[in-house]
Amino acid sequence: MELAVENAQAWSEAIFGSVELGDKRLTKRLMQIGKQLSSLPGSSLSESCEGQDALLEGSYRFLRNKRVNAKQIAEGAIG
């Protein structure tokens, strides 16, 4: 059974909106990535960008950013 998120934007804001990454732009990008991936469950990051190259590049830049780590995201999302 595949679960669907009814409002991906609201879900992503609720989960990731309070994550402290030291820069509001990084938190905004995290919420965008969360929205992308929850809109298409089971898809890859590339698929979730639906052919938008700039969106995909921004997502990859976020993942490569040395100021962002998984612990920060997990602690903020759980908190």
Protein backbone atom coordinates (compact mmCIF):
# COMPACT_ATOMS: atom_id res chain seq x y z
CA MET A 1 0.00 0.00 0.00
CA GLU A 2 1.41 3.37 -1.01
CA LEU A 3 0.58 6.35 1.15
CA ALA A 4 0.04 9.72 -0.47
CA VAL A 5 0.62 13.12 1.08
CA GLU A 6 -2.44 15.24 0.44
CA ASN A 7 -0.66 18.59 0.73
CA ALA A 8 3.06 18.15 0.11
CA GLN A 9 3.90 21.79 0.81
CA ALA A 10 2.14 21.82 4.20
CA TRP A 11 3.67 18.47 5.16
CA SER A 12 7.18 19.59 4.27
CA GLU A 13 6.79 22.88 6.16
CA ALA A 14 5.50 21.03 9.22
CA ILE A 15 8.38 18.52 9.18
CA PHE A 16 11.32 20.68 8.06
CA GLY A 17 10.25 24.27 8.72
CA SER A 18 11.89 24.46 12.14
CA VAL A 19 15.19 22.87 11.10
CA GLU A 20 18.04 25.24 12.00
CA LEU A 21 20.67 25.18 9.27
CA GLY A 22 22.12 28.61 9.99
CA ASP A 23 20.65 30.16 6.84
CA LYS A 24 16.96 30.58 6.01
CA ARG A 25 17.69 29.84 2.35
CA LEU A 26 18.97 26.39 3.26
CA THR A 27 15.84 25.65 5.28
CA LYS A 28 13.72 26.86 2.35
CA ARG A 29 15.61 24.53 -0.01
CA LEU A 30 15.16 21.62 2.43
CA MET A 31 11.41 22.23 2.49
CA GLN A 32 11.39 22.35 -1.33
CA ILE A 33 13.20 19.01 -1.55
CA GLY A 34 10.81 17.51 1.01
CA LYS A 35 7.87 18.75 -1.03
CA GLN A 36 9.33 17.36 -4.26
CA LEU A 37 9.97 13.92 -2.85
CA SER A 38 6.68 13.63 -0.96
CA SER A 39 4.74 14.65 -4.07
CA LEU A 40 6.05 11.59 -5.92
CA PRO A 41 6.59 8.82 -3.33
CA GLY A 42 9.19 6.27 -4.36
CA SER A 43 10.73 8.51 -7.00
CA SER A 44 14.36 9.50 -7.24
CA LEU A 45 15.50 13.06 -6.64
CA SER A 46 15.89 13.49 -10.38
CA GLU A 47 12.38 12.18 -11.07
CA SER A 48 10.91 14.39 -8.36
CA CYS A 49 12.22 17.48 -10.17
CA GLU A 50 10.09 16.54 -13.19
CA GLY A 51 12.57 17.71 -15.82
CA GLN A 52 13.36 21.06 -14.18
CA ASP A 53 17.14 21.21 -14.46
CA ALA A 54 17.53 24.25 -12.18
CA LEU A 55 15.50 22.54 -9.46
CA LEU A 56 17.61 19.40 -9.74
CA GLU A 57 20.88 21.38 -9.63
CA GLY A 58 19.67 23.32 -6.58
CA SER A 59 18.79 20.06 -4.85
CA TYR A 60 22.20 18.58 -5.55
CA ARG A 61 23.93 21.78 -4.37
CA PHE A 62 21.97 21.53 -1.11
CA LEU A 63 23.06 17.91 -0.61
CA ARG A 64 26.73 18.79 -1.28
CA ASN A 65 26.69 21.84 1.00
CA LYS A 66 29.25 21.43 3.79
CA ARG A 67 27.10 23.56 6.13
CA VAL A 68 24.31 20.98 6.05
CA ASN A 69 24.43 17.59 7.73
CA ALA A 70 21.93 14.82 8.31
CA LYS A 71 22.09 15.20 12.09
CA GLN A 72 20.88 18.80 11.90
CA ILE A 73 17.98 17.78 9.68
CA ALA A 74 17.01 14.80 11.83
CA GLU A 75 17.18 16.76 15.08
CA GLY A 76 15.13 19.61 13.63
CA ALA A 77 12.54 17.34 12.10
CA ILE A 78 12.09 15.34 15.31
CA GLY A 79 12.27 18.34 17.65
